[in-house]
């Protein structure tokens, strides 16, 4: 007697199943970003990580403006120095990418929280878990299998999660096609000399 369930489970392990997982995970990320989207954001301040800056300021600005089109985006370092145009005294959204073990001035998280209407960040330091509105706790997720062991890839995943909590999507629009340069060159007929 043939077990029909085993036939279907064999078909799920094909390459189409991996593509389905990729699309389903991107749909989950889009839903998470939609639920975390804020209204009325005019000014955004992003505090960059001092150890692992995996996204450059231009890409962060572009993704932030895609999520909040009317917003002005400002950047600071973990030491409090502005990058580019200095930020105003009050901002609507604060995104703090400062990780654990990265030095910042005493009480810097409290100062940032006072100048923002809404704050998102990582669970780094003493007060951030109690001060910020939304926190991504990487220590709770460090045992899970989805975080990479490679430092910069891990930072990329964590910073994407923090940005998703702020309503900013870092989801690729499409997949890159495989490089067919060698395949095409092998399939061409030999050149004839005239």
N, C-alpha and C. Protein backbone atom coordinates (compact mmCIF):
# COMPACT_ATOMS: atom_id res chain seq x y z
N UNK A 1 0.83 -1.18 0.00
CA UNK A 1 0.00 0.00 0.00
C UNK A 1 0.88 1.25 0.00
N UNK A 2 0.57 2.23 -0.84
CA UNK A 2 1.35 3.45 -0.98
C UNK A 2 0.83 4.50 -0.02
N UNK A 3 1.74 5.09 0.70
CA UNK A 3 1.40 6.17 1.62
C UNK A 3 1.42 7.49 0.85
N UNK A 4 0.27 8.10 0.67
CA UNK A 4 0.17 9.32 -0.13
C UNK A 4 0.88 10.49 0.56
N UNK A 5 0.85 10.53 1.87
CA UNK A 5 1.53 11.61 2.60
C UNK A 5 3.02 11.62 2.34
N UNK A 6 3.63 10.43 2.19
CA UNK A 6 5.07 10.39 1.93
C UNK A 6 5.39 10.88 0.52
N UNK A 7 4.47 10.67 -0.43
CA UNK A 7 4.68 11.18 -1.78
C UNK A 7 4.71 12.71 -1.79
N UNK A 8 3.79 13.33 -1.04
CA UNK A 8 3.76 14.78 -1.00
C UNK A 8 4.95 15.35 -0.25
N UNK A 9 5.39 14.67 0.80
CA UNK A 9 6.53 15.19 1.55
C UNK A 9 7.82 15.12 0.73
N UNK A 10 7.94 14.15 -0.19
CA UNK A 10 9.12 14.10 -1.05
C UNK A 10 9.14 15.26 -2.03
N UNK A 11 7.97 15.66 -2.51
CA UNK A 11 7.90 16.76 -3.47
C UNK A 11 8.20 18.11 -2.82
N UNK A 12 8.05 18.22 -1.52
CA UNK A 12 8.29 19.49 -0.83
C UNK A 12 9.77 19.80 -0.69
N UNK A 13 10.62 18.83 -0.85
CA UNK A 13 12.05 19.06 -0.65
C UNK A 13 12.76 19.47 -1.94
N UNK A 14 12.06 19.90 -2.95
CA UNK A 14 12.67 20.34 -4.19
C UNK A 14 13.12 21.79 -4.08
N UNK A 15 13.72 22.29 -5.14
CA UNK A 15 14.20 23.68 -5.13
C UNK A 15 13.05 24.67 -5.07
N UNK A 16 11.88 24.28 -5.56
CA UNK A 16 10.73 25.18 -5.48
C UNK A 16 10.34 25.44 -4.04
N UNK A 17 10.58 24.46 -3.18
CA UNK A 17 10.27 24.62 -1.78
C UNK A 17 11.15 25.69 -1.14
N UNK A 18 12.42 25.74 -1.51
CA UNK A 18 13.32 26.78 -1.00
C UNK A 18 12.87 28.16 -1.47
N UNK A 19 12.44 28.24 -2.73
CA UNK A 19 11.92 29.52 -3.23
C UNK A 19 10.66 29.92 -2.48
N UNK A 20 9.79 28.96 -2.20
CA UNK A 20 8.57 29.26 -1.45
C UNK A 20 8.90 29.77 -0.06
N UNK A 21 9.90 29.16 0.58
CA UNK A 21 10.30 29.62 1.91
C UNK A 21 10.81 31.06 1.85
N UNK A 22 11.57 31.38 0.80
CA UNK A 22 12.10 32.73 0.65
C UNK A 22 10.98 33.74 0.48
N UNK A 23 10.01 33.41 -0.38
CA UNK A 23 8.90 34.34 -0.60
C UNK A 23 8.02 34.47 0.64
N UNK A 24 7.79 33.37 1.34
CA UNK A 24 6.98 33.43 2.55
C UNK A 24 7.67 34.23 3.65
N UNK A 25 8.99 34.10 3.77
CA UNK A 25 9.69 34.88 4.77
C UNK A 25 9.69 36.37 4.42
N UNK A 26 9.78 36.70 3.13
CA UNK A 26 9.72 38.12 2.75
C UNK A 26 8.32 38.68 2.97
N UNK A 27 7.29 37.85 2.77
CA UNK A 27 5.93 38.30 3.08
C UNK A 27 5.74 38.52 4.57
N UNK A 28 6.32 37.65 5.39
CA UNK A 28 6.26 37.85 6.84
C UNK A 28 6.95 39.14 7.25
N UNK A 29 8.10 39.41 6.63
CA UNK A 29 8.83 40.64 6.95
C UNK A 29 8.03 41.87 6.54
N UNK A 30 7.38 41.81 5.38
CA UNK A 30 6.55 42.93 4.95
C UNK A 30 5.39 43.17 5.90
N UNK A 31 4.77 42.09 6.40
CA UNK A 31 3.67 42.24 7.35
C UNK A 31 4.17 42.84 8.66
N UNK A 32 5.36 42.43 9.11
CA UNK A 32 5.93 42.98 10.34
C UNK A 32 6.20 44.47 10.18
N UNK A 33 6.70 44.86 9.01
CA UNK A 33 6.99 46.27 8.76
C UNK A 33 5.69 47.07 8.71
N UNK A 34 4.66 46.52 8.09
CA UNK A 34 3.36 47.23 8.02
C UNK A 34 2.77 47.46 9.40
N UNK A 35 2.87 46.46 10.28
CA UNK A 35 2.30 46.63 11.61
C UNK A 35 3.09 47.60 12.46
N UNK A 36 4.38 47.77 12.18
CA UNK A 36 5.22 48.68 12.96
C UNK A 36 5.32 50.08 12.37
N UNK A 37 4.67 50.33 11.25
CA UNK A 37 4.75 51.64 10.59
C UNK A 37 4.09 52.71 11.47
N UNK A 38 4.74 53.86 11.57
CA UNK A 38 4.25 54.97 12.39
C UNK A 38 3.67 56.06 11.49
N UNK A 39 2.76 56.83 12.03
CA UNK A 39 2.16 57.93 11.25
C UNK A 39 2.69 59.27 11.76
N UNK A 40 2.73 60.23 10.87
CA UNK A 40 3.12 61.59 11.23
C UNK A 40 4.60 61.78 11.50
N UNK A 41 5.43 61.00 10.86
CA UNK A 41 6.88 61.11 11.07
C UNK A 41 7.44 62.16 10.11
N UNK A 42 8.01 63.23 10.66
CA UNK A 42 8.60 64.31 9.86
C UNK A 42 10.12 64.33 9.94
N UNK A 43 10.68 63.94 11.12
CA UNK A 43 12.12 63.96 11.34
C UNK A 43 12.56 62.62 11.93
N UNK A 44 13.59 62.04 11.32
CA UNK A 44 14.10 60.75 11.77
C UNK A 44 15.58 60.91 12.11
N UNK A 45 15.97 60.43 13.28
CA UNK A 45 17.37 60.43 13.71
C UNK A 45 17.83 58.99 13.82
N UNK A 46 18.91 58.65 13.11
CA UNK A 46 19.47 57.30 13.16
C UNK A 46 20.85 57.39 13.81
N UNK A 47 21.02 56.66 14.92
CA UNK A 47 22.31 56.57 15.59
C UNK A 47 22.99 55.32 15.06
N UNK A 48 24.12 55.51 14.40
CA UNK A 48 24.80 54.40 13.73
C UNK A 48 25.64 53.59 14.71
N UNK A 49 25.80 52.33 14.40
CA UNK A 49 26.62 51.43 15.19
C UNK A 49 28.10 51.77 14.99
N UNK A 50 28.87 51.77 16.06
CA UNK A 50 30.29 52.13 15.93
C UNK A 50 31.16 50.95 15.54
N UNK A 51 30.72 49.74 15.80
CA UNK A 51 31.54 48.56 15.48
C UNK A 51 31.22 47.96 14.13
N UNK A 52 29.98 47.95 13.74
CA UNK A 52 29.62 47.31 12.48
C UNK A 52 28.58 48.09 11.72
N UNK A 53 29.04 49.00 10.86
CA UNK A 53 28.13 49.78 10.03
C UNK A 53 27.95 49.01 8.72
N UNK A 54 26.91 48.19 8.67
CA UNK A 54 26.72 47.32 7.51
C UNK A 54 25.94 48.00 6.40
N UNK A 55 25.18 49.04 6.72
CA UNK A 55 24.46 49.81 5.71
C UNK A 55 25.05 51.22 5.68
N UNK A 56 25.32 51.72 4.49
CA UNK A 56 25.85 53.08 4.40
C UNK A 56 24.73 54.09 4.60
N UNK A 57 25.10 55.34 4.82
CA UNK A 57 24.11 56.36 5.13
C UNK A 57 23.16 56.62 3.97
N UNK A 58 23.65 56.49 2.74
CA UNK A 58 22.78 56.72 1.58
C UNK A 58 21.69 55.66 1.48
N UNK A 59 22.03 54.41 1.72
CA UNK A 59 21.01 53.36 1.64
C UNK A 59 20.03 53.47 2.80
N UNK A 60 20.52 53.83 3.98
CA UNK A 60 19.61 54.04 5.11
C UNK A 60 18.66 55.20 4.84
N UNK A 61 19.20 56.27 4.26
CA UNK A 61 18.35 57.43 3.93
C UNK A 61 17.30 57.04 2.89
N UNK A 62 17.71 56.28 1.87
CA UNK A 62 16.78 55.88 0.82
C UNK A 62 15.65 55.00 1.38
N UNK A 63 15.99 54.01 2.18
CA UNK A 63 14.98 53.12 2.74
C UNK A 63 14.07 53.85 3.72
N UNK A 64 14.62 54.78 4.47
CA UNK A 64 13.81 55.56 5.40
C UNK A 64 12.84 56.46 4.64
N UNK A 65 13.31 57.07 3.55
CA UNK A 65 12.43 57.94 2.75
C UNK A 65 11.37 57.13 2.00
N UNK A 66 11.66 55.88 1.67
CA UNK A 66 10.63 55.04 1.06
C UNK A 66 9.53 54.72 2.07
N UNK A 67 9.90 54.54 3.33
CA UNK A 67 8.91 54.24 4.37
C UNK A 67 8.19 55.50 4.83
N UNK A 68 8.93 56.60 4.97
CA UNK A 68 8.37 57.88 5.43
C UNK A 68 8.75 58.96 4.44
N UNK A 69 7.96 59.17 3.39
CA UNK A 69 8.35 60.07 2.29
C UNK A 69 8.52 61.54 2.70
N UNK A 70 7.80 62.01 3.69
CA UNK A 70 7.89 63.42 4.08
C UNK A 70 8.96 63.68 5.12
N UNK A 71 9.72 62.67 5.50
CA UNK A 71 10.66 62.80 6.60
C UNK A 71 12.01 63.35 6.16
N UNK A 72 12.66 64.04 7.08
CA UNK A 72 14.06 64.44 6.92
C UNK A 72 14.88 63.50 7.79
N UNK A 73 15.97 62.98 7.24
CA UNK A 73 16.76 61.96 7.92
C UNK A 73 18.09 62.55 8.37
N UNK A 74 18.42 62.31 9.65
CA UNK A 74 19.66 62.80 10.24
C UNK A 74 20.42 61.62 10.84
N UNK A 75 21.76 61.75 10.91
CA UNK A 75 22.58 60.67 11.43
C UNK A 75 23.50 61.19 12.53
N UNK A 76 23.79 60.30 13.50
CA UNK A 76 24.75 60.59 14.56
C UNK A 76 25.59 59.34 14.82
N UNK A 77 26.74 59.56 15.42
CA UNK A 77 27.57 58.45 15.86
C UNK A 77 27.16 58.07 17.28
N UNK A 78 27.72 56.99 17.80
CA UNK A 78 27.42 56.59 19.17
C UNK A 78 28.01 57.55 20.19
N UNK A 79 29.00 58.33 19.78
CA UNK A 79 29.56 59.33 20.69
C UNK A 79 28.78 60.63 20.69
N UNK A 80 27.79 60.77 19.82
CA UNK A 80 26.94 61.95 19.80
C UNK A 80 27.29 62.97 18.74
N UNK A 81 28.28 62.69 17.92
CA UNK A 81 28.68 63.64 16.88
C UNK A 81 27.78 63.47 15.66
N UNK A 82 27.32 64.59 15.07
CA UNK A 82 26.48 64.48 13.87
C UNK A 82 27.28 64.07 12.64
N UNK A 83 26.64 63.32 11.77
CA UNK A 83 27.22 62.97 10.48
C UNK A 83 26.41 63.73 9.44
N UNK A 84 27.04 64.67 8.77
CA UNK A 84 26.32 65.51 7.82
C UNK A 84 25.64 66.66 8.55
N UNK A 85 24.41 66.92 8.17
CA UNK A 85 23.64 68.02 8.76
C UNK A 85 23.28 67.67 10.20
N UNK A 86 23.53 68.59 11.15
CA UNK A 86 23.16 68.31 12.55
C UNK A 86 21.65 68.15 12.71
N UNK A 87 21.26 67.27 13.61
CA UNK A 87 19.83 67.01 13.83
C UNK A 87 19.21 68.11 14.68
N UNK A 88 17.89 68.32 14.55
CA UNK A 88 17.22 69.32 15.38
C UNK A 88 17.10 68.83 16.83
N UNK A 89 16.62 69.70 17.70
CA UNK A 89 16.50 69.37 19.13
C UNK A 89 15.40 68.33 19.37
N UNK A 90 14.37 68.30 18.54
CA UNK A 90 13.27 67.34 18.68
C UNK A 90 13.08 66.58 17.37
N UNK A 91 12.94 65.25 17.47
CA UNK A 91 12.69 64.41 16.31
C UNK A 91 11.46 63.54 16.60
N UNK A 92 10.85 63.06 15.53
CA UNK A 92 9.68 62.20 15.69
C UNK A 92 10.06 60.74 15.93
N UNK A 93 11.09 60.28 15.24
CA UNK A 93 11.48 58.87 15.33
C UNK A 93 12.99 58.77 15.55
N UNK A 94 13.36 58.03 16.58
CA UNK A 94 14.75 57.74 16.88
C UNK A 94 15.00 56.26 16.61
N UNK A 95 16.02 55.96 15.81
CA UNK A 95 16.43 54.58 15.56
C UNK A 95 17.87 54.46 16.04
N UNK A 96 18.06 53.71 17.11
CA UNK A 96 19.38 53.56 17.71
C UNK A 96 19.93 52.18 17.37
N UNK A 97 20.97 52.14 16.54
CA UNK A 97 21.59 50.88 16.12
C UNK A 97 22.80 50.52 16.97
N UNK A 98 23.01 51.22 18.09
CA UNK A 98 24.13 50.96 18.97
C UNK A 98 23.98 49.58 19.60
N UNK A 99 25.02 48.77 19.46
CA UNK A 99 24.98 47.41 19.98
C UNK A 99 25.62 47.28 21.34
N UNK A 100 25.56 46.07 21.91
CA UNK A 100 26.20 45.86 23.21
C UNK A 100 27.71 45.99 23.13
N UNK A 101 28.30 46.57 24.14
CA UNK A 101 29.74 46.74 24.18
C UNK A 101 30.26 47.95 23.43
N UNK A 102 29.38 48.72 22.82
CA UNK A 102 29.80 49.92 22.10
C UNK A 102 29.68 51.11 23.03
N UNK A 103 30.73 51.87 23.11
CA UNK A 103 30.77 52.97 24.07
C UNK A 103 29.92 54.14 23.60
N UNK A 104 29.22 54.71 24.57
CA UNK A 104 28.46 55.93 24.33
C UNK A 104 28.52 56.76 25.61
N UNK A 105 28.29 58.07 25.52
CA UNK A 105 28.35 58.91 26.71
C UNK A 105 27.34 58.48 27.77
N UNK A 106 27.65 58.76 29.02
CA UNK A 106 26.77 58.41 30.13
C UNK A 106 25.44 59.12 29.99
N UNK A 107 24.36 58.38 30.06
CA UNK A 107 23.02 58.95 29.94
C UNK A 107 22.63 59.32 28.52
N UNK A 108 23.37 58.85 27.54
CA UNK A 108 23.10 59.21 26.14
C UNK A 108 21.75 58.67 25.67
N UNK A 109 21.40 57.46 26.10
CA UNK A 109 20.11 56.88 25.71
C UNK A 109 18.96 57.70 26.28
N UNK A 110 19.09 58.18 27.52
CA UNK A 110 18.04 59.02 28.11
C UNK A 110 17.92 60.35 27.37
N UNK A 111 19.06 60.93 27.00
CA UNK A 111 19.05 62.19 26.26
C UNK A 111 18.36 62.01 24.90
N UNK A 112 18.71 60.91 24.22
CA UNK A 112 18.08 60.63 22.92
C UNK A 112 16.59 60.41 23.07
N UNK A 113 16.19 59.71 24.12
CA UNK A 113 14.76 59.44 24.33
C UNK A 113 14.00 60.72 24.60
N UNK A 114 14.59 61.64 25.35
CA UNK A 114 13.92 62.90 25.65
C UNK A 114 13.70 63.75 24.41
N UNK A 115 14.60 63.62 23.42
CA UNK A 115 14.48 64.46 22.24
C UNK A 115 13.60 63.82 21.15
N UNK A 116 13.09 62.60 21.39
CA UNK A 116 12.30 61.92 20.37
C UNK A 116 10.88 61.65 20.85
N UNK A 117 9.97 61.59 19.90
CA UNK A 117 8.59 61.27 20.21
C UNK A 117 8.41 59.76 20.33
N UNK A 118 9.14 59.01 19.50
CA UNK A 118 9.07 57.55 19.49
C UNK A 118 10.47 57.01 19.28
N UNK A 119 10.86 55.97 20.01
CA UNK A 119 12.22 55.45 19.92
C UNK A 119 12.25 53.94 19.75
N UNK A 120 13.20 53.51 18.92
CA UNK A 120 13.42 52.10 18.64
C UNK A 120 14.91 51.84 18.77
N UNK A 121 15.27 50.70 19.33
CA UNK A 121 16.69 50.41 19.47
C UNK A 121 16.97 48.97 19.86
N UNK A 122 18.23 48.75 20.17
CA UNK A 122 18.69 47.43 20.60
C UNK A 122 18.83 47.42 22.12
N UNK A 123 18.75 46.23 22.69
CA UNK A 123 18.90 46.09 24.13
C UNK A 123 20.38 46.09 24.48
N UNK A 124 20.94 47.27 24.51
CA UNK A 124 22.36 47.44 24.83
C UNK A 124 22.46 48.52 25.89
N UNK A 125 23.26 48.28 26.89
CA UNK A 125 23.40 49.27 27.94
C UNK A 125 22.45 49.01 29.09
N UNK A 126 22.41 49.95 30.02
CA UNK A 126 21.68 49.75 31.26
C UNK A 126 20.21 50.12 31.13
N UNK A 127 19.91 51.27 30.52
CA UNK A 127 18.56 51.82 30.58
C UNK A 127 17.70 51.58 29.34
N UNK A 128 18.26 51.14 28.27
CA UNK A 128 17.53 51.16 27.00
C UNK A 128 16.28 50.30 27.01
N UNK A 129 16.32 49.18 27.69
CA UNK A 129 15.15 48.31 27.71
C UNK A 129 13.95 49.00 28.37
N UNK A 130 14.23 49.82 29.37
CA UNK A 130 13.16 50.52 30.07
C UNK A 130 12.82 51.86 29.43
N UNK A 131 13.75 52.43 28.66
CA UNK A 131 13.57 53.79 28.14
C UNK A 131 12.93 53.80 26.76
N UNK A 132 13.38 52.92 25.87
CA UNK A 132 12.89 52.94 24.49
C UNK A 132 11.52 52.30 24.37
N UNK A 133 10.77 52.73 23.33
CA UNK A 133 9.43 52.20 23.12
C UNK A 133 9.45 50.77 22.59
N UNK A 134 10.30 50.52 21.61
CA UNK A 134 10.44 49.18 21.03
C UNK A 134 11.91 48.78 21.08
N UNK A 135 12.15 47.57 21.54
CA UNK A 135 13.51 47.06 21.69
C UNK A 135 13.64 45.73 20.98
N UNK A 136 14.74 45.58 20.24
CA UNK A 136 15.08 44.26 19.72
C UNK A 136 16.12 43.66 20.65
N UNK A 137 15.77 42.56 21.29
CA UNK A 137 16.66 41.91 22.26
C UNK A 137 17.41 40.79 21.57
N UNK A 138 18.64 41.08 21.16
CA UNK A 138 19.43 40.08 20.46
C UNK A 138 19.95 39.00 21.39
N UNK A 139 20.02 39.27 22.67
CA UNK A 139 20.46 38.26 23.62
C UNK A 139 19.43 37.15 23.73
N UNK A 140 18.17 37.50 23.63
CA UNK A 140 17.12 36.49 23.66
C UNK A 140 17.12 35.67 22.37
N UNK A 141 17.56 36.27 21.25
CA UNK A 141 17.59 35.57 19.97
C UNK A 141 18.93 34.95 19.65
N UNK A 142 19.93 35.11 20.52
CA UNK A 142 21.26 34.60 20.19
C UNK A 142 21.30 33.08 20.12
N UNK A 143 20.42 32.40 20.81
CA UNK A 143 20.40 30.94 20.76
C UNK A 143 19.62 30.42 19.57
N UNK A 144 18.86 31.28 18.91
CA UNK A 144 18.08 30.80 17.78
C UNK A 144 18.99 30.59 16.57
N UNK A 145 18.52 29.78 15.66
CA UNK A 145 19.36 29.38 14.54
C UNK A 145 19.39 30.41 13.41
N UNK A 146 18.50 31.40 13.43
CA UNK A 146 18.45 32.33 12.30
C UNK A 146 19.54 33.40 12.34
N UNK A 147 20.18 33.61 13.48
CA UNK A 147 21.27 34.59 13.55
C UNK A 147 22.59 33.93 13.16
N UNK A 148 23.33 34.61 12.32
CA UNK A 148 24.59 34.08 11.81
C UNK A 148 25.68 34.16 12.88
N UNK A 149 26.68 33.34 12.74
CA UNK A 149 27.84 33.37 13.64
C UNK A 149 28.90 34.37 13.15
N UNK A 150 28.86 34.71 11.87
CA UNK A 150 29.79 35.70 11.31
C UNK A 150 29.34 37.08 11.78
N UNK A 151 30.28 37.88 12.32
CA UNK A 151 29.93 39.12 13.00
C UNK A 151 29.17 40.11 12.11
N UNK A 152 29.69 40.41 10.92
CA UNK A 152 29.03 41.43 10.08
C UNK A 152 27.69 40.94 9.56
N UNK A 153 27.57 39.66 9.26
CA UNK A 153 26.27 39.13 8.81
C UNK A 153 25.27 39.16 9.97
N UNK A 154 25.75 38.88 11.17
CA UNK A 154 24.89 38.95 12.36
C UNK A 154 24.42 40.39 12.58
N UNK A 155 25.34 41.35 12.44
CA UNK A 155 24.97 42.76 12.57
C UNK A 155 23.94 43.16 11.52
N UNK A 156 24.11 42.67 10.30
CA UNK A 156 23.16 42.97 9.22
C UNK A 156 21.76 42.46 9.59
N UNK A 157 21.67 41.25 10.10
CA UNK A 157 20.39 40.67 10.47
C UNK A 157 19.75 41.44 11.64
N UNK A 158 20.55 41.79 12.62
CA UNK A 158 20.03 42.50 13.79
C UNK A 158 19.59 43.91 13.40
N UNK A 159 20.38 44.61 12.59
CA UNK A 159 20.00 45.96 12.19
C UNK A 159 18.76 45.95 11.31
N UNK A 160 18.58 44.91 10.49
CA UNK A 160 17.33 44.78 9.72
C UNK A 160 16.14 44.62 10.64
N UNK A 161 16.30 43.84 11.71
CA UNK A 161 15.21 43.65 12.67
C UNK A 161 14.87 44.97 13.38
N UNK A 162 15.88 45.74 13.75
CA UNK A 162 15.64 47.03 14.41
C UNK A 162 14.92 47.97 13.45
N UNK A 163 15.35 48.00 12.20
CA UNK A 163 14.69 48.85 11.22
C UNK A 163 13.26 48.39 10.95
N UNK A 164 13.02 47.08 10.98
CA UNK A 164 11.66 46.57 10.82
C UNK A 164 10.77 47.01 11.98
N UNK A 165 11.33 47.07 13.18
CA UNK A 165 10.56 47.57 14.33
C UNK A 165 10.20 49.05 14.17
N UNK A 166 11.00 49.76 13.38
CA UNK A 166 10.72 51.17 13.11
C UNK A 166 9.83 51.36 11.89
N UNK A 167 9.45 50.27 11.22
CA UNK A 167 8.59 50.37 10.04
C UNK A 167 9.35 50.60 8.75
N UNK A 168 10.64 50.27 8.73
CA UNK A 168 11.47 50.45 7.54
C UNK A 168 11.84 49.09 6.99
N UNK A 169 11.54 48.87 5.72
CA UNK A 169 11.77 47.55 5.11
C UNK A 169 13.11 47.51 4.40
N UNK A 170 13.85 46.44 4.64
CA UNK A 170 15.08 46.15 3.91
C UNK A 170 14.89 44.81 3.23
N UNK A 171 13.87 44.72 2.40
CA UNK A 171 13.52 43.48 1.73
C UNK A 171 13.88 43.63 0.26
N UNK A 172 14.66 42.70 -0.30
CA UNK A 172 15.01 42.81 -1.72
C UNK A 172 13.77 42.66 -2.60
N UNK A 173 13.74 43.41 -3.68
CA UNK A 173 12.58 43.38 -4.57
C UNK A 173 12.59 42.15 -5.48
N UNK A 174 13.73 41.63 -5.80
CA UNK A 174 13.81 40.47 -6.67
C UNK A 174 15.07 39.68 -6.41
N UNK A 175 15.16 38.55 -7.01
CA UNK A 175 16.34 37.72 -6.83
C UNK A 175 17.28 37.94 -8.00
N UNK A 176 18.57 37.88 -7.72
CA UNK A 176 19.57 38.04 -8.77
C UNK A 176 19.61 36.78 -9.63
N UNK A 177 19.69 36.96 -10.92
CA UNK A 177 19.78 35.82 -11.83
C UNK A 177 21.17 35.22 -11.75
N UNK A 178 21.29 33.92 -11.96
CA UNK A 178 22.63 33.32 -11.91
C UNK A 178 23.51 33.82 -13.06
N UNK A 179 24.79 33.82 -12.82
CA UNK A 179 25.75 34.27 -13.83
C UNK A 179 25.86 33.22 -14.92
N UNK A 180 25.49 33.58 -16.13
CA UNK A 180 25.51 32.64 -17.25
C UNK A 180 26.65 32.94 -18.22
N UNK A 181 27.61 33.71 -17.81
CA UNK A 181 28.70 34.12 -18.70
C UNK A 181 29.49 32.95 -19.25
N UNK A 182 29.83 31.98 -18.41
CA UNK A 182 30.61 30.84 -18.88
C UNK A 182 29.75 29.89 -19.70
N UNK A 183 28.48 29.75 -19.35
CA UNK A 183 27.59 28.84 -20.07
C UNK A 183 27.35 29.35 -21.48
N UNK A 184 27.08 30.64 -21.60
CA UNK A 184 26.81 31.22 -22.92
C UNK A 184 28.05 31.12 -23.81
N UNK A 185 29.22 31.38 -23.25
CA UNK A 185 30.45 31.33 -24.04
C UNK A 185 30.73 29.91 -24.55
N UNK A 186 30.37 28.91 -23.78
CA UNK A 186 30.61 27.52 -24.22
C UNK A 186 29.63 27.10 -25.30
N UNK A 187 28.46 27.72 -25.33
CA UNK A 187 27.44 27.32 -26.30
C UNK A 187 27.56 28.03 -27.64
N UNK A 188 28.38 29.04 -27.76
CA UNK A 188 28.53 29.77 -29.00
C UNK A 188 29.33 28.94 -30.02
N UNK A 189 28.99 29.06 -31.29
CA UNK A 189 29.77 28.34 -32.29
C UNK A 189 31.15 29.01 -32.47
N UNK A 190 32.12 28.28 -32.94
CA UNK A 190 33.45 28.89 -33.12
C UNK A 190 33.38 29.97 -34.21
N UNK A 191 34.23 30.97 -34.04
CA UNK A 191 34.28 32.07 -35.00
C UNK A 191 34.95 31.60 -36.27
N UNK A 192 34.38 31.98 -37.40
CA UNK A 192 35.00 31.61 -38.68
C UNK A 192 35.71 32.83 -39.26
N UNK A 193 36.87 32.59 -39.83
CA UNK A 193 37.64 33.69 -40.40
C UNK A 193 37.32 33.78 -41.89
N UNK A 194 37.07 34.96 -42.34
CA UNK A 194 36.73 35.15 -43.75
C UNK A 194 37.90 35.60 -44.58
